[in-house]
Protein backbone atom coordinates (compact mmCIF):
# COMPACT_ATOMS: atom_id res chain seq x y z
CA UNK A 1 125.81 108.22 112.64
CA UNK A 2 122.75 109.42 110.71
CA UNK A 3 123.76 113.08 110.34
CA UNK A 4 125.73 112.52 107.07
CA UNK A 5 122.65 110.89 105.53
CA UNK A 6 120.43 113.77 106.69
CA UNK A 7 122.90 116.33 105.32
CA UNK A 8 123.14 114.53 101.96
CA UNK A 9 119.35 114.43 101.61
CA UNK A 10 119.12 118.13 102.48
CA UNK A 11 121.61 118.92 99.72
CA UNK A 12 119.65 116.85 97.21
CA UNK A 13 116.33 118.48 98.18
CA UNK A 14 117.94 121.93 97.82
CA UNK A 15 119.17 120.96 94.35
CA UNK A 16 115.66 119.81 93.43
CA UNK A 17 114.18 123.15 94.53
CA UNK A 18 116.76 125.07 92.49
CA UNK A 19 116.12 123.03 89.36
CA UNK A 20 112.33 123.30 89.67
CA UNK A 21 112.72 127.06 89.92
CA UNK A 22 114.37 127.25 86.52
CA UNK A 23 112.67 127.40 83.13
CA UNK A 24 112.63 124.04 81.35
CA UNK A 25 114.27 121.88 84.05
CA UNK A 26 115.87 118.58 83.06
CA UNK A 27 113.10 116.11 83.97
CA UNK A 28 115.41 113.09 83.79
CA UNK A 29 117.86 114.68 86.21
CA UNK A 30 114.98 115.69 88.50
CA UNK A 31 113.73 112.09 88.50
CA UNK A 32 117.23 110.91 89.40
CA UNK A 33 117.46 113.39 92.28
CA UNK A 34 113.99 112.38 93.51
CA UNK A 35 115.07 108.75 93.47
CA UNK A 36 118.24 109.48 95.44
CA UNK A 37 116.29 111.55 97.97
CA UNK A 38 113.71 108.78 98.33
CA UNK A 39 116.38 106.15 98.87
CA UNK A 40 117.99 108.18 101.67
CA UNK A 41 114.57 108.81 103.20
CA UNK A 42 113.83 105.10 103.45
CA UNK A 43 117.23 104.42 104.98
CA UNK A 44 116.32 106.93 107.70
CA UNK A 45 112.82 105.46 108.11
CA UNK A 46 114.30 101.97 108.48
CA UNK A 47 116.79 103.21 111.07
CA UNK A 48 113.96 104.71 113.10
CA UNK A 49 111.93 101.50 112.93
CA UNK A 50 114.96 99.42 113.86
CA UNK A 51 115.18 101.25 117.18
CA UNK A 52 111.92 99.53 118.18
CA UNK A 53 112.90 96.08 116.85
CA UNK A 54 113.01 93.57 119.71
CA UNK A 55 116.08 91.75 118.33
CA UNK A 56 118.04 94.87 117.35
CA UNK A 57 121.82 94.57 117.67
CA UNK A 58 122.03 98.27 118.49
CA UNK A 59 119.52 100.79 119.76
CA UNK A 60 116.94 100.49 122.51
CA UNK A 61 113.17 100.64 122.74
CA UNK A 62 113.60 103.63 125.08
CA UNK A 63 115.31 105.47 122.22
CA UNK A 64 112.38 104.68 119.92
CA UNK A 65 109.92 105.94 122.54
CA UNK A 66 111.98 109.09 123.12
CA UNK A 67 111.96 109.90 119.39
CA UNK A 68 108.17 109.54 119.37
CA UNK A 69 107.86 111.75 122.46
CA UNK A 70 109.93 114.51 120.88
CA UNK A 71 107.94 114.19 117.65
CA UNK A 72 104.63 114.56 119.49
CA UNK A 73 105.80 117.67 121.31
CA UNK A 74 107.12 119.27 118.13
CA UNK A 75 103.87 118.44 116.30
CA UNK A 76 101.73 119.90 119.10
CA UNK A 77 103.87 123.05 119.25
CA UNK A 78 103.59 123.49 115.49
CA UNK A 79 99.81 123.00 115.70
CA UNK A 80 99.46 125.64 118.39
CA UNK A 81 101.69 128.08 116.51
CA UNK A 82 99.74 127.62 113.28
CA UNK A 83 96.40 128.08 115.03
CA UNK A 84 97.67 131.23 116.69
CA UNK A 85 98.69 132.47 113.23
CA UNK A 86 95.14 132.19 111.88
CA UNK A 87 95.09 128.68 110.45
CA UNK A 88 92.89 125.67 111.28
CA UNK A 89 94.55 122.26 111.41
CA UNK A 90 92.66 119.75 109.25
CA UNK A 91 94.90 116.71 109.74
CA UNK A 92 98.36 115.83 111.00
CA UNK A 93 100.51 112.72 111.28
CA UNK A 94 104.13 112.13 112.33
CA UNK A 95 105.84 114.75 110.15
CA UNK A 96 103.04 116.46 108.22
CA UNK A 97 100.31 118.97 108.98
CA UNK A 98 97.48 120.05 106.66
CA UNK A 99 95.90 123.42 107.38
CA UNK A 100 93.19 125.63 105.93
CA UNK A 101 92.42 129.30 106.66
CA UNK A 102 90.49 129.76 109.89
CA UNK A 103 87.15 131.29 108.81
CA UNK A 104 86.99 133.27 112.07
CA UNK A 105 90.22 135.12 111.29
CA UNK A 106 90.40 138.00 108.83
CA UNK A 107 92.83 137.59 105.95
CA UNK A 108 94.83 140.64 106.98
CA UNK A 109 95.33 139.13 110.45
CA UNK A 110 96.49 135.74 109.14
CA UNK A 111 100.22 135.05 109.11
CA UNK A 112 101.97 133.84 105.96
CA UNK A 113 102.64 130.08 106.00
CA UNK A 114 106.23 130.37 104.85
CA UNK A 115 106.93 132.94 107.58
CA UNK A 116 105.30 130.64 110.14
CA UNK A 117 107.38 127.69 108.90
CA UNK A 118 110.55 129.73 109.35
CA UNK A 119 109.51 130.79 112.86
CA UNK A 120 108.70 127.22 113.91
CA UNK A 121 112.01 126.02 112.47
CA UNK A 122 113.91 128.54 114.57
CA UNK A 123 111.92 127.76 117.73
CA UNK A 124 112.10 123.96 117.50
CA UNK A 125 115.50 123.69 115.79
CA UNK A 126 114.07 121.26 113.25
CA UNK A 127 113.24 122.20 109.68
CA UNK A 128 109.58 122.94 109.03
CA UNK A 129 108.70 123.51 105.36
CA UNK A 130 105.63 124.69 103.45
CA UNK A 131 105.57 121.84 100.95
CA UNK A 132 102.50 122.41 98.78
CA UNK A 133 99.19 124.18 98.31
CA UNK A 134 96.21 121.94 97.50
CA UNK A 135 93.21 122.90 95.41
CA UNK A 136 91.40 120.22 97.41
CA UNK A 137 92.28 117.23 99.57
CA UNK A 138 90.25 114.35 101.05
CA UNK A 139 91.11 112.16 104.02
CA UNK A 140 89.72 108.62 103.85
CA UNK A 141 87.64 107.31 106.80
CA UNK A 142 88.46 104.00 108.45
CA UNK A 143 86.52 100.98 107.25
CA UNK A 144 85.06 100.23 110.68
CA UNK A 145 84.29 103.77 111.82
CA UNK A 146 83.87 107.36 110.68
CA UNK A 147 87.26 108.34 112.14
CA UNK A 148 89.88 109.33 109.59
CA UNK A 149 92.51 106.83 108.52
CA UNK A 150 95.90 108.23 109.43
CA UNK A 151 97.80 107.36 106.27
CA UNK A 152 95.16 107.53 103.53
CA UNK A 153 94.45 110.69 101.60
CA UNK A 154 94.26 112.04 98.08
CA UNK A 155 94.07 115.48 96.56
CA UNK A 156 95.11 117.87 93.81
CA UNK A 157 98.18 120.03 94.31
CA UNK A 158 97.74 123.49 92.79
CA UNK A 159 99.47 123.75 89.43
CA UNK A 160 100.10 119.99 89.18
CA UNK A 161 98.36 117.83 86.56
CA UNK A 162 98.65 114.68 88.68
CA UNK A 163 96.85 113.71 91.87
CA UNK A 164 98.64 113.27 95.18
CA UNK A 165 97.65 109.78 96.35
CA UNK A 166 98.56 107.98 99.57
CA UNK A 167 97.24 104.72 101.02
CA UNK A 168 94.45 103.88 98.56
CA UNK A 169 94.36 101.01 96.06
CA UNK A 170 95.38 103.13 93.05
CA UNK A 171 98.75 103.56 94.78
CA UNK A 172 99.36 99.83 95.34
CA UNK A 173 101.18 97.64 92.83
CA UNK A 174 98.98 94.62 93.54
CA UNK A 175 95.74 96.42 92.62
CA UNK A 176 93.86 95.01 89.60
CA UNK A 177 93.83 97.41 86.62
CA UNK A 178 90.04 97.65 86.79
CA UNK A 179 90.11 98.95 90.38
CA UNK A 180 92.93 101.38 89.62
CA UNK A 181 91.12 102.75 86.56
CA UNK A 182 87.85 103.17 88.49
CA UNK A 183 89.57 105.06 91.30
CA UNK A 184 91.38 107.28 88.80
CA UNK A 185 88.09 108.01 87.03
CA UNK A 186 86.47 108.88 90.37
CA UNK A 187 89.31 111.24 91.23
CA UNK A 188 89.05 112.99 87.87
CA UNK A 189 85.28 113.29 88.25
CA UNK A 190 85.66 114.77 91.74
CA UNK A 191 88.30 117.21 90.51
CA UNK A 192 86.09 118.34 87.63
CA UNK A 193 82.80 118.61 89.53
CA UNK A 194 83.58 118.70 93.28
CA UNK A 195 80.30 116.76 93.53
CA UNK A 196 79.95 113.54 95.58
CA UNK A 197 76.91 112.61 93.47
CA UNK A 198 78.99 112.68 90.29
CA UNK A 199 81.57 110.40 91.90
CA UNK A 200 78.86 107.99 93.06
CA UNK A 201 77.46 107.85 89.53
CA UNK A 202 80.92 106.94 88.25
CA UNK A 203 81.28 104.24 90.89
CA UNK A 204 77.80 102.82 90.28
CA UNK A 205 78.54 102.54 86.56
CA UNK A 206 81.72 100.57 87.34
CA UNK A 207 79.84 98.22 89.71
CA UNK A 208 77.15 97.65 87.07
CA UNK A 209 79.79 96.72 84.49
CA UNK A 210 81.42 94.37 86.97
CA UNK A 211 78.18 92.56 87.81
CA UNK A 212 77.17 92.42 84.16
CA UNK A 213 80.36 90.51 83.38
CA UNK A 214 81.59 92.99 80.78
CA UNK A 215 84.94 93.62 82.49
CA UNK A 216 87.73 91.52 80.85
CA UNK A 217 89.08 88.94 83.28
CA UNK A 218 92.66 90.19 82.82
CA UNK A 219 91.51 93.52 84.28
CA UNK A 220 90.64 91.71 87.53
CA UNK A 221 94.01 90.05 88.10
CA UNK A 222 95.50 90.80 91.51
CA UNK A 223 99.24 90.25 91.58
CA UNK A 224 101.14 89.59 94.78
CA UNK A 225 104.84 88.91 95.24
CA UNK A 226 105.67 86.10 97.65
CA UNK A 227 108.73 86.17 99.88
CA UNK A 228 109.11 82.44 100.58
CA UNK A 229 108.35 79.04 99.04
CA UNK A 230 105.12 77.16 99.67
CA UNK A 231 106.72 75.08 102.44
CA UNK A 232 107.59 78.24 104.36
CA UNK A 233 103.94 79.11 105.09
CA UNK A 234 102.15 77.83 108.18
CA UNK A 235 98.70 79.34 107.46
CA UNK A 236 96.42 78.62 104.53
CA UNK A 237 96.41 82.13 103.04
CA UNK A 238 95.54 83.42 99.57
CA UNK A 239 99.23 83.25 98.67
CA UNK A 240 99.33 79.58 99.69
CA UNK A 241 96.28 78.78 97.58
CA UNK A 242 97.80 80.52 94.55
CA UNK A 243 101.17 78.82 95.06
CA UNK A 244 99.48 75.40 95.26
CA UNK A 245 97.59 76.08 92.05
CA UNK A 246 100.74 77.34 90.34
CA UNK A 247 102.63 74.20 91.43
CA UNK A 248 99.84 71.98 90.09
CA UNK A 249 100.04 73.81 86.78
CA UNK A 250 103.86 73.68 86.84
CA UNK A 251 104.09 77.45 86.40
CA UNK A 252 107.74 78.63 86.12
CA UNK A 253 106.85 81.91 87.84
CA UNK A 254 105.35 80.29 90.93
CA UNK A 255 108.37 81.15 93.06
CA UNK A 256 108.24 84.85 92.29
CA UNK A 257 104.65 85.91 91.89
CA UNK A 258 101.09 84.78 92.37
CA UNK A 259 98.07 85.94 90.40
CA UNK A 260 94.48 85.70 91.53
CA UNK A 261 91.80 86.01 88.89
CA UNK A 262 88.92 84.97 91.12
CA UNK A 263 86.95 88.17 90.62
CA UNK A 264 89.07 90.16 93.04
CA UNK A 265 87.07 93.30 92.30
CA UNK A 266 83.84 91.60 93.37
CA UNK A 267 85.56 90.39 96.53
CA UNK A 268 86.51 93.95 97.44
CA UNK A 269 82.88 95.01 97.16
CA UNK A 270 81.79 92.12 99.38
CA UNK A 271 84.42 92.90 101.99
CA UNK A 272 83.05 96.41 102.34
CA UNK A 273 79.82 94.87 103.65
CA UNK A 274 78.01 94.93 100.28
CA UNK A 275 77.41 98.63 100.76
CA UNK A 276 76.45 100.09 97.40
CA UNK A 277 76.87 103.78 96.66
CA UNK A 278 74.26 105.86 98.43
CA UNK A 279 73.55 109.55 98.42
CA UNK A 280 73.34 111.31 101.74
């Protein structure tokens, strides 16, 4: 049932690679192809998640568990093959692996990543691609421990002017402009200096401006879309509070969106345990 979708996405990705390999590719057409590929990807992701849905009309939880079991085995095999080829695995999750050259292996003894990807593809009968080379990449720790968060990372792809961002506030639509700008400034400072101290200076300056009250209030607005009317909520959440206020003010947009201007940036600092930037 899903094979036609997989085949269509493969064709689109191949077309994207061909166009990027040409001089002066049509950026509008590339954006269209990226959008089509992304849409098919999320159809496939939703189909996978539906297998584990308790009220699914088709599929079984055993199927969901079997997919995960196969994925784990393929990931472990790929890890072992990469390590044997002279690479050290930095991070991996579901369908992605980040590696760096193993310092204990001489360059002449290290296998080429594209050759390794081809070999793993043939062994596992599932496509394994070398997607990108990073100048640098950082994996964000969890808030409650030093362990890495699985889905949060950011970095700079070689030859790309933009940062690759996943899981942090700058990626989220609800993030206040002030927070997004601060994170972007920190990323640019890290890219330019590769110095944690320089990033901490940038962050401290932003916190000072926030506490001094010099940040315009519109830069602290946190926007959240609501999926149901006020009566549909059973808990007194932030959305409920904003909906009540919007109803009191007779706001025409109350059904679609809520906006919180209650110093959301300050709240984020407090939630982190009031931990100010420190140098270690």
